Amino acid sequence: MQETIRAAREDDLTRLTEIYNHYVVEGPVTFDVRPYTVEERRHWLGQFAATGPQRLLVLEQQGIVRGYAASLRFRAKPAYETSVESTIYLAPGRGGSGAGARLYGALFEALRGEDLHRAYGGITLPNEASIRLHERLGFSRIGVYREVGRKLGRYWDVAWYEKALP
């Protein structure tokens, strides 16, 4: 199967929105509670660049975007500038194939050489697949926010993971 990992483009926005909205509607992976329109996601896309700490990579298989990984500013205050929050979303049915590890690995390789010290990821619990992926890529669990988000009629815990960046 032909596979490409590349920087996201403007023409990927519809597909990226579809992938993300699946998780908005189908479960607690994200704490957004209503799907986005493509126009609403345009500002989100605009925060990423080809260089620097805020990156957005897509996994394309057979010409179709099947997932994305991103690094975002961790917090707005200046002292946090060497930290990023990372995230990954795969299209439904794409998990378990190693695609997530290849995509996330490519994101961290793209960040090599940037002035970054740590990456952080929040995982809504339970989510064994995401925990395995993060740990496989060198993340360590550093704590849990208990019942931090309410979605689908209940409260959810979020485990926080960190990874040292070279």
Protein backbone atom coordinates (compact mmCIF):
# COMPACT_ATOMS: atom_id res chain seq x y z
CA MET A 1 0.00 0.00 0.00
CA GLN A 2 1.37 3.39 -0.98
CA GLU A 3 1.78 5.57 2.11
CA THR A 4 3.01 9.12 2.50
CA ILE A 5 3.49 11.23 5.60
CA ARG A 6 3.62 14.92 4.77
CA ALA A 7 2.76 18.37 6.05
CA ALA A 8 -0.95 19.12 5.97
CA ARG A 9 -2.28 21.39 3.25
CA GLU A 10 -5.33 23.60 2.94
CA ASP A 11 -7.01 21.04 0.68
CA ASP A 12 -6.80 18.44 3.50
CA LEU A 13 -9.07 20.46 5.77
CA THR A 14 -12.34 18.74 4.81
CA ARG A 15 -10.90 15.29 5.48
CA LEU A 16 -9.18 16.39 8.71
CA THR A 17 -12.49 17.79 9.92
CA GLU A 18 -14.28 14.53 9.07
CA ILE A 19 -11.74 12.47 11.03
CA TYR A 20 -11.90 14.77 14.05
CA ASN A 21 -15.70 14.98 14.03
CA HIS A 22 -15.92 11.19 14.21
CA TYR A 23 -14.29 11.38 17.65
CA VAL A 24 -16.42 14.36 18.69
CA VAL A 25 -19.60 12.36 18.03
CA GLU A 26 -18.58 8.79 18.82
CA GLY A 27 -16.86 8.96 22.20
CA PRO A 28 -14.89 10.80 24.85
CA VAL A 29 -11.49 10.90 23.11
CA THR A 30 -11.93 14.64 22.62
CA PHE A 31 -13.93 16.83 24.95
CA ASP A 32 -15.49 18.82 22.13
CA VAL A 33 -19.20 18.06 22.21
CA ARG A 34 -20.45 19.25 18.83
CA PRO A 35 -19.01 18.63 15.37
CA TYR A 36 -17.15 21.41 13.57
CA THR A 37 -17.78 22.78 10.12
CA VAL A 38 -14.83 23.04 7.77
CA GLU A 39 -14.96 26.83 8.10
CA GLU A 40 -14.81 26.59 11.90
CA ARG A 41 -11.65 24.47 11.63
CA ARG A 42 -9.87 26.89 9.28
CA HIS A 43 -8.41 28.93 12.18
CA TRP A 44 -7.15 25.68 13.79
CA LEU A 45 -5.35 24.76 10.56
CA GLY A 46 -3.82 28.22 10.32
CA GLN A 47 -1.78 27.83 13.51
CA PHE A 48 0.53 25.22 11.95
CA ALA A 49 3.68 25.87 9.93
CA ALA A 50 6.27 23.91 7.94
CA THR A 51 8.90 24.79 10.56
CA GLY A 52 8.77 25.60 14.24
CA PRO A 53 7.12 23.85 17.14
CA GLN A 54 3.54 23.83 15.81
CA ARG A 55 3.36 21.17 13.13
CA LEU A 56 0.58 19.20 11.49
CA LEU A 57 1.41 16.04 9.56
CA VAL A 58 -1.01 13.81 7.69
CA LEU A 59 -0.83 10.14 6.83
CA GLU A 60 -1.99 9.55 3.28
CA GLN A 61 -2.65 6.05 1.99
CA GLN A 62 -3.64 5.47 -1.64
CA GLY A 63 -4.20 9.21 -1.98
CA ILE A 64 -6.62 9.46 0.97
CA VAL A 65 -5.78 11.14 4.28
CA ARG A 66 -6.15 8.43 6.94
CA GLY A 67 -4.95 10.34 10.00
CA TYR A 68 -3.02 13.25 11.39
CA ALA A 69 -0.62 14.12 14.18
CA ALA A 70 -0.02 17.59 15.54
CA SER A 71 2.10 19.50 18.01
CA LEU A 72 0.50 22.53 19.57
CA ARG A 73 1.57 25.20 21.98
CA PHE A 74 1.25 23.71 25.46
CA ARG A 75 0.29 26.91 27.30
CA ALA A 76 0.20 30.59 26.31
CA LYS A 77 2.71 31.90 28.86
CA PRO A 78 6.27 32.53 27.58
CA ALA A 79 8.01 30.13 29.98
CA TYR A 80 6.12 27.23 28.34
CA GLU A 81 7.54 27.93 24.87
CA THR A 82 9.80 24.86 24.94
CA SER A 83 6.87 22.53 25.62
CA VAL A 84 4.26 21.24 23.17
CA GLU A 85 1.10 19.22 23.47
CA SER A 86 0.94 16.46 20.91
CA THR A 87 -2.12 14.74 19.52
CA ILE A 88 -2.96 12.07 16.98
CA TYR A 89 -6.18 11.00 15.29
CA LEU A 90 -6.60 8.13 12.86
CA ALA A 91 -9.61 7.53 10.63
CA PRO A 92 -11.98 4.88 12.01
CA GLY A 93 -10.68 1.37 11.39
CA ARG A 94 -7.05 2.45 10.91
CA GLY A 95 -5.79 1.63 14.41
CA GLY A 96 -3.67 -1.43 15.11
CA SER A 97 -1.80 -1.35 11.79
CA GLY A 98 1.27 0.54 13.00
CA ALA A 99 0.17 3.64 11.07
CA GLY A 100 -0.20 5.63 14.29
CA ALA A 101 3.35 4.84 15.38
CA ARG A 102 4.75 5.78 11.96
CA LEU A 103 2.79 9.04 11.88
CA TYR A 104 3.52 10.07 15.46
CA GLY A 105 7.16 9.05 15.03
CA ALA A 106 7.39 11.27 11.95
CA LEU A 107 5.99 14.19 13.94
CA PHE A 108 8.68 13.85 16.60
CA GLU A 109 11.35 13.48 13.95
CA ALA A 110 10.09 16.70 12.32
CA LEU A 111 10.39 18.46 15.68
CA ARG A 112 14.02 17.37 16.10
CA GLY A 113 16.23 20.42 16.09
CA GLU A 114 13.52 22.77 17.31
CA ASP A 115 14.06 24.51 20.64
CA LEU A 116 11.78 22.07 22.48
CA HIS A 117 12.27 20.27 25.75
CA ARG A 118 9.11 18.23 26.40
CA ALA A 119 5.98 16.95 24.66
CA TYR A 120 2.80 16.27 26.61
CA GLY A 121 -0.25 14.24 25.73
CA GLY A 122 -3.58 13.87 27.47
CA ILE A 123 -5.44 10.57 27.09
CA THR A 124 -9.08 10.18 28.12
CA LEU A 125 -9.39 6.99 30.16
CA PRO A 126 -9.88 4.21 29.36
CA ASN A 127 -7.97 4.09 26.07
CA GLU A 128 -5.50 1.21 26.06
CA ALA A 129 -4.56 1.65 22.39
CA SER A 130 -3.52 5.27 22.91
CA ILE A 131 -1.64 4.41 26.10
CA ARG A 132 0.31 1.66 24.27
CA LEU A 133 1.11 4.02 21.39
CA HIS A 134 2.39 6.78 23.66
CA GLU A 135 4.46 4.41 25.78
CA ARG A 136 5.92 2.76 22.66
CA LEU A 137 7.09 6.20 21.53
CA GLY A 138 8.79 7.02 24.82
CA PHE A 139 6.07 8.79 26.78
CA SER A 140 5.76 8.19 30.54
CA ARG A 141 2.64 8.66 32.61
CA ILE A 142 2.98 11.62 34.97
CA GLY A 143 -0.49 11.91 36.49
CA VAL A 144 -4.24 11.81 36.14
CA TYR A 145 -6.81 14.57 36.26
CA ARG A 146 -9.83 12.87 37.86
CA GLU A 147 -13.27 13.50 36.38
CA VAL A 148 -11.95 16.58 34.57
CA GLY A 149 -14.41 16.47 31.65
CA ARG A 150 -18.11 15.72 31.30
CA LYS A 151 -19.33 14.23 28.06
CA LEU A 152 -21.92 11.65 27.04
CA GLY A 153 -23.63 11.93 30.41
CA ARG A 154 -20.65 11.11 32.61
CA TYR A 155 -17.31 12.40 33.91
CA TRP A 156 -14.01 11.22 32.44
CA ASP A 157 -10.47 11.03 33.77
CA VAL A 158 -7.53 12.20 31.65
CA ALA A 159 -4.08 10.66 32.08
CA TRP A 160 -1.15 12.93 31.25
CA TYR A 161 1.99 11.65 29.57
CA GLU A 162 5.30 13.36 28.83
CA LYS A 163 8.20 12.70 26.51
CA ALA A 164 11.65 14.31 26.60
CA LEU A 165 12.57 15.82 23.26
CA PRO A 166 16.16 15.80 22.01
